């Protein structure tokens, strides 16, 4: 349909000058006929009225005027039914003038009489002038235009049909083949046999097929890797569960070893206890991270100072005689909206990481937990005076199994903490980490999440209030 419309629109550019040329040829033919009719009179000085009328009728004019030897002579004449409407000189008419006169004649339904001036054939005089009716001219122009219109429609239809066949062969079928290949691939993306093989002859389509093949190949490899990782994760979770039970039993025996008075045992027992405790923590973290998903937080009002105090008190029990101090700067009246258990895990992970980092240096240190609020959010910060995060930990922050914040760590604590904070609609950010220490910040929004309709209504209310 588009091709048909476009070709017909292009035909308009041909139709207009063609009709103008047809009108010019029509008038020139009338001048030539009139000149031939006048030759009969010039050959014979007198003709009867019937023969003269017949000559004028055959020429299709009312009268003929010849100008020869500077003499203007009315050669043939008959009564003119009305006044002459316009005079057209075809001797020096330009293209624009011919097109304009043709359009005026074509769209003027009134029957008029016009005068036409032209050059005689074979230079038989200076000029020839005739008067004729416009009705036959307009009928002939309409008939000619209809024939052009029908021919143009036939050419347009034939061109559109050929283009349809070409587009179907070169574009539509290859695109349908690509769609079919994509549909087949989505049914079993792990099957490498379903990956598309580029075969299009059109360069753009072939480029699309090549890109699709690369994407499908990469996706198939990624799915296989994900499947292997999922299987490995399931196996690790099972092993971690059983290993945790074994380590718990071992931990009970190490507790008894601590009561031994043997000097060698007394030196080795603390290291053994710490090693087993780290193994238990790793098993618990792996099991926690391996769950399908964390439960949705049960949001409620939480007195932050009490929660922070509980976390710090638990950490104090683990440092024994090490020179590590804790600082709290949390307003007693601050109440946040959070899940108590999940927020405890977040703070516990951050504080424990800070404690382990400072203890690993063997130097005194301090861990500070502070909080403040503004109109939009609560901000909790955990700062330590440790050695800072390693470069690898900063590059893969919050990604599990990409290296932890300390030597031998697995990065599960920060990954779990970040996931829990996101469940509250907040953000866990690393504010700084250098040789002077590390600072993490937890941003918890005060407002509730809005649906798009609520957001639009809120914007409308704000605009109305501003007005």
Protein backbone atom coordinates (compact mmCIF):
# COMPACT_ATOMS: atom_id res chain seq x y z
CA UNK A 1 0.00 0.00 0.00
CA UNK A 2 2.83 2.42 0.83
CA UNK A 3 4.54 1.68 -2.47
CA UNK A 4 1.27 2.18 -4.33
CA UNK A 5 0.70 5.53 -2.61
CA UNK A 6 4.28 6.69 -3.18
CA UNK A 7 4.27 5.79 -6.88
CA UNK A 8 0.92 7.52 -7.38
CA UNK A 9 2.28 10.61 -5.61
CA UNK A 10 5.29 10.55 -7.93
CA UNK A 11 2.96 10.25 -10.92
CA UNK A 12 1.43 13.61 -10.01
CA UNK A 13 4.77 15.20 -10.89
CA UNK A 14 4.48 13.57 -14.31
CA UNK A 15 0.74 14.11 -14.74
CA UNK A 16 0.75 17.91 -14.52
CA UNK A 17 3.35 18.63 -17.25
CA UNK A 18 1.90 15.80 -19.36
CA UNK A 19 -1.57 17.37 -19.33
CA UNK A 20 -0.03 20.76 -20.14
CA UNK A 21 1.82 19.23 -23.07
CA UNK A 22 -1.37 17.47 -24.23
CA UNK A 23 -3.24 20.79 -24.19
CA UNK A 24 -0.48 22.45 -26.19
CA UNK A 25 -0.50 19.64 -28.77
CA UNK A 26 -4.30 19.80 -28.96
CA UNK A 27 -4.25 23.51 -29.70
CA UNK A 28 -1.41 23.17 -32.19
CA UNK A 29 -3.33 20.46 -33.99
CA UNK A 30 -6.32 22.82 -34.23
CA UNK A 31 -4.07 25.52 -35.68
CA UNK A 32 -2.70 23.04 -38.21
CA UNK A 33 -6.20 21.87 -39.19
CA UNK A 34 -7.35 25.48 -39.54
CA UNK A 35 -4.37 26.25 -41.76
CA UNK A 36 -5.17 23.25 -43.98
CA UNK A 37 -8.81 24.30 -44.19
CA UNK A 38 -7.76 27.83 -45.15
CA UNK A 39 -5.67 26.46 -48.00
CA UNK A 40 -8.86 25.29 -49.73
CA UNK A 41 -10.14 28.86 -49.78
CA UNK A 42 -6.78 30.24 -50.91
CA UNK A 43 -6.81 27.74 -53.79
CA UNK A 44 -10.30 28.81 -54.77
CA UNK A 45 -11.35 32.43 -54.16
CA UNK A 46 -14.95 31.50 -53.41
CA UNK A 47 -16.58 28.62 -51.57
CA UNK A 48 -20.20 28.08 -50.83
CA UNK A 49 -21.33 28.45 -47.23
CA UNK A 50 -21.93 24.72 -46.70
CA UNK A 51 -18.39 23.80 -47.70
CA UNK A 52 -16.94 26.58 -45.56
CA UNK A 53 -18.92 25.36 -42.52
CA UNK A 54 -17.74 21.83 -43.17
CA UNK A 55 -14.10 22.96 -43.27
CA UNK A 56 -14.49 24.84 -39.98
CA UNK A 57 -16.25 21.87 -38.36
CA UNK A 58 -13.49 19.52 -39.44
CA UNK A 59 -10.89 21.93 -38.06
CA UNK A 60 -12.88 22.31 -34.81
CA UNK A 61 -12.74 26.13 -34.85
CA UNK A 62 -15.11 29.05 -35.38
CA UNK A 63 -12.91 31.18 -37.62
CA UNK A 64 -9.41 31.39 -39.03
CA UNK A 65 -7.27 34.49 -39.43
CA UNK A 66 -4.01 34.43 -41.42
CA UNK A 67 -1.41 37.14 -41.44
CA UNK A 68 0.58 37.13 -44.63
CA UNK A 69 2.67 39.93 -46.07
CA UNK A 70 1.77 42.22 -43.17
CA UNK A 71 -1.90 41.79 -44.07
CA UNK A 72 -4.31 40.29 -41.50
CA UNK A 73 -6.97 38.36 -43.41
CA UNK A 74 -10.08 36.58 -42.07
CA UNK A 75 -9.96 33.44 -44.18
CA UNK A 76 -12.79 31.33 -42.74
CA UNK A 77 -15.47 32.50 -40.38
CA UNK A 78 -18.70 31.43 -38.72
CA UNK A 79 -20.88 32.92 -35.98
CA UNK A 80 -19.23 32.92 -32.51
CA UNK A 81 -21.78 31.93 -29.81
CA UNK A 82 -20.31 34.22 -27.13
CA UNK A 83 -17.55 36.66 -26.40
CA UNK A 84 -13.96 35.51 -26.41
CA UNK A 85 -12.93 34.64 -22.86
CA UNK A 86 -9.13 34.66 -23.22
CA UNK A 87 -6.34 34.77 -25.78
CA UNK A 88 -3.38 32.34 -25.69
CA UNK A 89 -0.21 32.94 -27.69
CA UNK A 90 1.64 29.65 -28.18
CA UNK A 91 4.63 31.18 -29.94
CA UNK A 92 6.61 32.21 -26.85
CA UNK A 93 4.74 30.42 -24.05
CA UNK A 94 6.95 29.14 -21.23
CA UNK A 95 6.57 25.88 -19.28
CA UNK A 96 5.10 27.54 -16.19
CA UNK A 97 2.61 29.48 -18.29
CA UNK A 98 1.54 26.36 -20.20
CA UNK A 99 1.04 24.38 -16.95
CA UNK A 100 -0.93 27.21 -15.37
CA UNK A 101 -3.24 27.60 -18.39
CA UNK A 102 -3.73 23.82 -18.59
CA UNK A 103 -4.79 23.58 -14.91
CA UNK A 104 -7.18 26.54 -15.32
CA UNK A 105 -8.77 24.88 -18.34
CA UNK A 106 -8.99 21.47 -16.64
CA UNK A 107 -10.70 22.75 -13.51
CA UNK A 108 -13.00 25.28 -15.23
CA UNK A 109 -16.31 23.51 -16.01
CA UNK A 110 -17.77 26.47 -17.96
CA UNK A 111 -17.93 26.21 -21.77
CA UNK A 112 -16.01 29.22 -23.11
CA UNK A 113 -14.59 30.55 -26.36
CA UNK A 114 -10.87 31.27 -26.56
CA UNK A 115 -8.50 32.77 -29.14
CA UNK A 116 -5.29 30.88 -29.94
CA UNK A 117 -2.33 32.38 -31.81
CA UNK A 118 0.54 30.37 -33.28
CA UNK A 119 3.05 30.05 -36.09
CA UNK A 120 1.78 28.63 -39.43
CA UNK A 121 3.15 25.29 -40.57
CA UNK A 122 5.92 25.43 -43.21
CA UNK A 123 6.22 29.18 -42.54
CA UNK A 124 3.10 29.82 -44.62
CA UNK A 125 2.61 33.32 -43.22
CA UNK A 126 3.54 35.34 -40.17
CA UNK A 127 0.93 33.93 -37.81
CA UNK A 128 -2.33 32.07 -37.68
CA UNK A 129 -5.13 32.86 -35.28
CA UNK A 130 -8.23 30.79 -34.53
CA UNK A 131 -11.16 30.91 -32.16
CA UNK A 132 -12.52 27.67 -30.73
CA UNK A 133 -14.66 26.33 -27.87
CA UNK A 134 -13.01 24.99 -24.67
CA UNK A 135 -15.52 22.16 -24.13
CA UNK A 136 -13.92 19.67 -26.60
CA UNK A 137 -10.48 20.61 -25.25
CA UNK A 138 -11.49 19.99 -21.64
CA UNK A 139 -13.19 16.67 -22.50
CA UNK A 140 -10.05 15.52 -24.34
CA UNK A 141 -7.86 16.59 -21.39
CA UNK A 142 -10.05 14.69 -18.91
CA UNK A 143 -10.00 11.59 -21.10
CA UNK A 144 -6.20 11.85 -21.39
CA UNK A 145 -5.87 12.33 -17.63
CA UNK A 146 -8.02 9.28 -16.89
CA UNK A 147 -5.91 7.16 -19.18
CA UNK A 148 -2.75 8.36 -17.40
CA UNK A 149 -4.39 7.68 -14.03
CA UNK A 150 -5.32 4.11 -14.98
CA UNK A 151 -1.87 3.45 -16.42
CA UNK A 152 -0.23 4.91 -13.30
CA UNK A 153 -2.38 2.75 -11.03
CA UNK A 154 -1.44 -0.33 -13.02
CA UNK A 155 2.27 0.56 -12.84
CA UNK A 156 1.97 1.30 -9.11
CA UNK A 157 0.22 -1.97 -8.38
CA UNK A 158 2.74 -3.96 -10.39
CA UNK A 159 5.68 -2.17 -8.72
CA UNK A 160 4.15 -2.69 -5.27
CA UNK A 161 3.62 -6.38 -5.99
CA UNK A 162 7.23 -6.84 -7.10
CA UNK A 163 8.47 -4.93 -4.05
CA UNK A 164 6.24 -7.04 -1.80
CA UNK A 165 7.77 -10.23 -3.19
CA UNK A 166 11.29 -8.81 -2.82
CA UNK A 167 10.74 -7.63 0.78
CA UNK A 168 9.12 -10.93 1.69
CA UNK A 169 12.05 -12.89 0.27
CA UNK A 170 14.87 -10.65 1.52
CA UNK A 171 13.50 -9.36 4.85
CA UNK A 172 10.29 -10.93 6.10
CA UNK A 173 11.30 -14.56 5.79
CA UNK A 174 14.75 -14.02 7.36
CA UNK A 175 13.16 -12.05 10.21
CA UNK A 176 10.60 -14.81 10.77
CA UNK A 177 13.45 -17.30 10.80
CA UNK A 178 15.23 -15.22 13.46
CA UNK A 179 12.02 -15.04 15.49
CA UNK A 180 11.56 -18.78 15.17
CA UNK A 181 15.16 -19.36 16.28
CA UNK A 182 14.65 -17.06 19.29
CA UNK A 183 11.43 -18.87 20.24
CA UNK A 184 13.13 -22.25 19.93
CA UNK A 185 16.06 -21.05 22.02
CA UNK A 186 13.84 -19.74 24.82
CA UNK A 187 12.26 -23.18 25.17
CA UNK A 188 15.62 -24.78 26.03
CA UNK A 189 18.41 -22.19 26.41
CA UNK A 190 20.80 -24.80 27.80
CA UNK A 191 20.70 -26.72 24.48
CA UNK A 192 23.57 -25.43 22.34
CA UNK A 193 21.94 -26.91 19.22
CA UNK A 194 19.25 -24.24 19.42
CA UNK A 195 21.73 -21.37 19.06
CA UNK A 196 21.05 -19.54 15.79
CA UNK A 197 23.44 -19.98 12.88
CA UNK A 198 23.74 -16.77 10.77
CA UNK A 199 22.60 -17.30 7.19
CA UNK A 200 20.93 -14.04 6.08
CA UNK A 201 22.17 -12.48 2.86
CA UNK A 202 21.20 -8.93 3.82
CA UNK A 203 24.19 -7.46 5.66
CA UNK A 204 22.17 -5.74 8.40
CA UNK A 205 20.19 -8.90 9.17
CA UNK A 206 23.36 -10.97 9.18
CA UNK A 207 24.92 -8.56 11.68
CA UNK A 208 21.83 -8.96 13.87
CA UNK A 209 22.08 -12.76 13.62
CA UNK A 210 25.78 -12.67 14.50
CA UNK A 211 25.05 -10.48 17.53
CA UNK A 212 22.18 -12.78 18.55
CA UNK A 213 24.40 -15.83 18.22
CA UNK A 214 27.06 -14.23 20.43
CA UNK A 215 24.43 -13.29 23.02
CA UNK A 216 22.87 -16.77 23.03
CA UNK A 217 26.28 -18.44 23.27
CA UNK A 218 27.24 -16.25 26.23
CA UNK A 219 23.86 -16.79 27.88
CA UNK A 220 24.07 -20.57 27.46
CA UNK A 221 27.51 -20.58 29.05
CA UNK A 222 26.27 -18.35 31.87
CA UNK A 223 23.28 -20.62 32.50
CA UNK A 224 25.51 -23.67 32.65
CA UNK A 225 27.80 -21.88 35.08
CA UNK A 226 24.83 -20.75 37.18
CA UNK A 227 23.51 -24.32 37.25
CA UNK A 228 26.90 -25.65 38.37
CA UNK A 229 27.14 -22.91 41.00
CA UNK A 230 23.62 -23.70 42.21
CA UNK A 231 24.49 -27.37 42.53
CA UNK A 232 27.73 -26.45 44.26
CA UNK A 233 25.86 -24.10 46.58
CA UNK A 234 23.42 -26.83 47.54
CA UNK A 235 26.27 -29.19 48.25
CA UNK A 236 28.14 -26.55 50.27
CA UNK A 237 25.02 -25.80 52.30
CA UNK A 238 24.61 -29.48 53.16
CA UNK A 239 28.27 -29.83 54.03
CA UNK A 240 28.17 -26.63 56.09
CA UNK A 241 25.15 -27.88 58.01
CA UNK A 242 26.77 -31.18 58.94
CA UNK A 243 30.14 -29.54 59.53
CA UNK A 244 28.58 -27.04 61.91
CA UNK A 245 27.18 -29.90 64.00
CA UNK A 246 30.58 -31.58 64.09
CA UNK A 247 32.32 -28.33 65.02
CA UNK A 248 29.79 -27.67 67.76
CA UNK A 249 30.74 -30.99 69.35
CA UNK A 250 34.41 -30.15 68.94
CA UNK A 251 33.78 -26.78 70.55
CA UNK A 252 32.39 -28.49 73.66
CA UNK A 253 35.62 -30.47 74.03
CA UNK A 254 37.79 -27.38 73.56
CA UNK A 255 35.89 -25.72 76.39
CA UNK A 256 37.16 -28.53 78.64
CA UNK A 257 40.68 -28.16 77.28
CA UNK A 258 40.69 -24.53 78.45
CA UNK A 259 40.39 -25.77 82.05
CA UNK A 260 43.54 -27.86 81.71
CA UNK A 261 46.60 -26.73 83.69
CA UNK A 262 49.07 -28.13 81.21
CA UNK A 263 51.24 -25.24 79.90
CA UNK A 264 51.25 -26.54 76.30
CA UNK A 265 47.50 -27.00 76.31
CA UNK A 266 47.02 -23.57 77.85
CA UNK A 267 49.02 -22.02 75.02
CA UNK A 268 47.31 -23.97 72.23
CA UNK A 269 43.73 -24.04 73.53
CA UNK A 270 42.86 -20.36 72.80
CA UNK A 271 44.09 -20.68 69.22
CA UNK A 272 42.16 -23.91 68.79
CA UNK A 273 39.00 -22.32 70.24
CA UNK A 274 39.34 -19.32 67.93
CA UNK A 275 39.88 -21.53 64.89
CA UNK A 276 36.83 -23.67 65.66
CA UNK A 277 34.75 -20.55 66.36
CA UNK A 278 35.73 -19.05 63.00
CA UNK A 279 34.79 -22.31 61.28
CA UNK A 280 31.40 -22.31 63.02
CA UNK A 281 30.81 -18.68 61.99
CA UNK A 282 31.69 -19.52 58.40
CA UNK A 283 29.24 -22.44 58.35
CA UNK A 284 26.48 -20.29 59.82
CA UNK A 285 27.14 -17.46 57.33
CA UNK A 286 27.18 -19.88 54.42
CA UNK A 287 23.89 -21.43 55.51
CA UNK A 288 22.32 -17.99 56.00
CA UNK A 289 23.46 -16.74 52.60
CA UNK A 290 22.43 -19.98 50.88
CA UNK A 291 18.77 -19.56 51.75
CA UNK A 292 16.46 -18.93 48.84
CA UNK A 293 15.65 -15.47 50.18
CA UNK A 294 15.64 -13.52 53.39
CA UNK A 295 12.20 -13.13 54.97
CA UNK A 296 10.56 -9.75 54.52
CA UNK A 297 11.43 -7.46 57.45
CA UNK A 298 8.73 -7.08 60.12
CA UNK A 299 8.95 -3.30 60.48
CA UNK A 300 8.26 -1.88 63.90
CA UNK A 301 9.50 0.86 66.17
CA UNK A 302 12.95 -0.02 67.54
CA UNK A 303 14.76 1.95 70.24
CA UNK A 304 18.16 2.19 68.58
CA UNK A 305 20.23 2.89 71.70
CA UNK A 306 19.13 -0.39 73.30
CA UNK A 307 19.83 -2.35 70.10
CA UNK A 308 23.31 -0.85 69.71
CA UNK A 309 24.07 -1.50 73.40
CA UNK A 310 23.11 -5.13 73.02
CA UNK A 311 25.39 -5.56 69.99
CA UNK A 312 28.34 -3.91 71.68
CA UNK A 313 27.85 -5.86 74.92
CA UNK A 314 27.99 -9.09 72.95
CA UNK A 315 31.22 -8.02 71.28
CA UNK A 316 32.83 -7.01 74.59
CA UNK A 317 32.51 -10.59 75.80
CA UNK A 318 34.75 -11.80 72.98
CA UNK A 319 37.71 -9.44 73.34
CA UNK A 320 38.91 -10.70 76.76
CA UNK A 321 41.96 -8.62 77.76
CA UNK A 322 42.61 -6.97 74.38
CA UNK A 323 42.89 -3.18 74.44
CA UNK A 324 39.78 -2.38 72.37
CA UNK A 325 37.26 0.25 73.36
CA UNK A 326 33.71 0.89 72.16
CA UNK A 327 31.99 4.26 71.81
CA UNK A 328 28.29 4.96 71.41
CA UNK A 329 26.77 8.20 70.21
CA UNK A 330 23.11 7.30 69.79
CA UNK A 331 20.31 9.49 71.20
CA UNK A 332 18.33 7.61 73.85
CA UNK A 333 15.07 8.86 72.37
CA UNK A 334 15.79 7.83 68.78
CA UNK A 335 13.31 5.24 67.51
CA UNK A 336 13.77 3.83 64.01
CA UNK A 337 11.39 1.76 61.88
CA UNK A 338 13.11 -1.59 61.30
CA UNK A 339 13.09 -5.32 61.91
CA UNK A 340 14.83 -5.84 65.27
CA UNK A 341 16.46 -9.17 64.46
CA UNK A 342 17.63 -8.17 60.99
CA UNK A 343 19.00 -4.82 62.13
CA UNK A 344 20.82 -6.60 64.96
CA UNK A 345 22.46 -8.88 62.36
CA UNK A 346 23.49 -5.89 60.25
CA UNK A 347 25.10 -4.03 63.16
CA UNK A 348 26.62 -7.21 64.53
CA UNK A 349 28.27 -8.01 61.18
CA UNK A 350 29.73 -4.51 60.86
CA UNK A 351 30.97 -4.33 64.47
CA UNK A 352 32.38 -7.87 64.37
CA UNK A 353 34.26 -7.12 61.14
CA UNK A 354 35.71 -3.99 62.75
CA UNK A 355 36.72 -5.92 65.89
CA UNK A 356 38.42 -8.66 63.92
CA UNK A 357 40.27 -6.13 61.76
CA UNK A 358 41.64 -4.29 64.81
CA UNK A 359 42.57 -7.45 66.70
CA UNK A 360 44.44 -8.73 63.63
CA UNK A 361 46.79 -5.73 63.87
CA UNK A 362 47.65 -6.47 67.49
CA UNK A 363 47.37 -2.77 68.29
CA UNK A 364 44.82 -0.94 70.48
CA UNK A 365 41.81 0.46 68.72
CA UNK A 366 38.32 1.86 69.00
CA UNK A 367 34.96 1.07 67.42
CA UNK A 368 32.35 3.82 67.36
CA UNK A 369 28.64 3.52 66.60
CA UNK A 370 26.77 6.79 66.04
CA UNK A 371 23.38 7.81 64.69
CA UNK A 372 21.49 10.91 63.70
CA UNK A 373 18.34 11.72 61.75
CA UNK A 374 16.90 14.39 59.47
CA UNK A 375 13.52 14.91 57.84
CA UNK A 376 14.04 12.12 55.29
CA UNK A 377 16.11 9.35 56.86
CA UNK A 378 17.95 7.80 59.80
CA UNK A 379 21.72 7.46 59.38
CA UNK A 380 23.74 4.94 61.43
CA UNK A 381 27.53 4.90 61.18
CA UNK A 382 30.03 2.25 62.30
CA UNK A 383 33.61 3.54 62.44
CA UNK A 384 36.81 1.82 63.50
CA UNK A 385 40.50 2.68 63.78
CA UNK A 386 41.65 -0.46 62.00
CA UNK A 387 44.03 -0.78 59.05
CA UNK A 388 41.35 -0.20 56.39
CA UNK A 389 39.93 -2.56 53.80
CA UNK A 390 42.23 -4.34 51.34
CA UNK A 391 42.02 -3.21 47.73
CA UNK A 392 40.43 -6.50 46.65
CA UNK A 393 37.70 -6.12 49.26
CA UNK A 394 36.95 -2.57 48.07
CA UNK A 395 36.78 -3.68 44.42
CA UNK A 396 34.22 -6.42 45.20
CA UNK A 397 32.46 -4.84 48.15
CA UNK A 398 29.17 -6.55 49.15
CA UNK A 399 29.86 -9.45 46.74
CA UNK A 400 30.03 -12.88 48.43
CA UNK A 401 33.03 -15.19 47.95
CA UNK A 402 35.16 -12.44 46.37
CA UNK A 403 37.46 -11.93 49.31
CA UNK A 404 36.57 -10.63 52.72
CA UNK A 405 37.59 -7.57 54.63
CA UNK A 406 40.24 -9.58 56.51
CA UNK A 407 42.68 -12.28 55.54
CA UNK A 408 40.91 -15.61 55.22
CA UNK A 409 37.47 -14.01 55.08
CA UNK A 410 34.79 -14.81 52.53
CA UNK A 411 32.86 -11.52 52.32
CA UNK A 412 29.58 -13.09 53.40
CA UNK A 413 29.01 -10.76 56.35
CA UNK A 414 28.95 -7.58 54.26
CA UNK A 415 26.88 -9.26 51.51
CA UNK A 416 24.26 -10.36 54.04
CA UNK A 417 24.25 -6.96 55.75
CA UNK A 418 23.78 -5.11 52.43
CA UNK A 419 20.92 -7.44 51.45
CA UNK A 420 19.13 -6.89 54.78
CA UNK A 421 19.48 -3.11 54.52
CA UNK A 422 18.08 -3.16 50.97
CA UNK A 423 15.11 -5.10 52.35
CA UNK A 424 14.41 -2.07 54.55
CA UNK A 425 14.51 0.20 51.48
CA UNK A 426 17.85 1.62 52.62
CA UNK A 427 21.50 1.65 51.55
CA UNK A 428 24.72 0.38 53.08
CA UNK A 429 27.62 2.58 51.96
CA UNK A 430 31.36 2.58 52.49
CA UNK A 431 32.13 6.20 53.40
CA UNK A 432 35.91 5.84 53.74
CA UNK A 433 38.63 3.24 54.19
CA UNK A 434 42.30 4.10 54.64
CA UNK A 435 45.14 3.60 57.07
CA UNK A 436 43.28 5.62 59.71
CA UNK A 437 40.32 3.24 59.70
CA UNK A 438 37.04 2.36 58.00
CA UNK A 439 33.59 3.90 58.18
CA UNK A 440 30.32 2.34 57.02
CA UNK A 441 26.99 4.21 56.93
CA UNK A 442 23.47 2.76 56.99
CA UNK A 443 20.79 5.01 55.45
CA UNK A 444 17.20 4.06 56.34
CA UNK A 445 14.37 6.09 54.75
CA UNK A 446 11.63 7.47 56.96
CA UNK A 447 8.97 7.59 54.26
CA UNK A 448 7.09 4.64 52.79
CA UNK A 449 7.54 3.60 49.17
CA UNK A 450 4.93 5.18 46.87
CA UNK A 451 3.18 3.64 43.91
CA UNK A 452 3.29 5.62 40.64
CA UNK A 453 -0.32 6.77 41.13
CA UNK A 454 0.44 7.90 44.68
CA UNK A 455 3.52 9.73 43.50
CA UNK A 456 1.51 11.58 40.81
CA UNK A 457 -1.15 12.49 43.37
CA UNK A 458 1.54 13.72 45.74
CA UNK A 459 3.11 15.84 42.99
CA UNK A 460 -0.31 17.28 42.14
CA UNK A 461 -0.94 18.14 45.80
CA UNK A 462 2.48 19.79 46.05
CA UNK A 463 1.82 21.85 42.90
CA UNK A 464 -1.62 22.87 44.18
CA UNK A 465 -0.11 23.92 47.51
CA UNK A 466 2.54 25.96 45.69
CA UNK A 467 -0.12 27.74 43.67
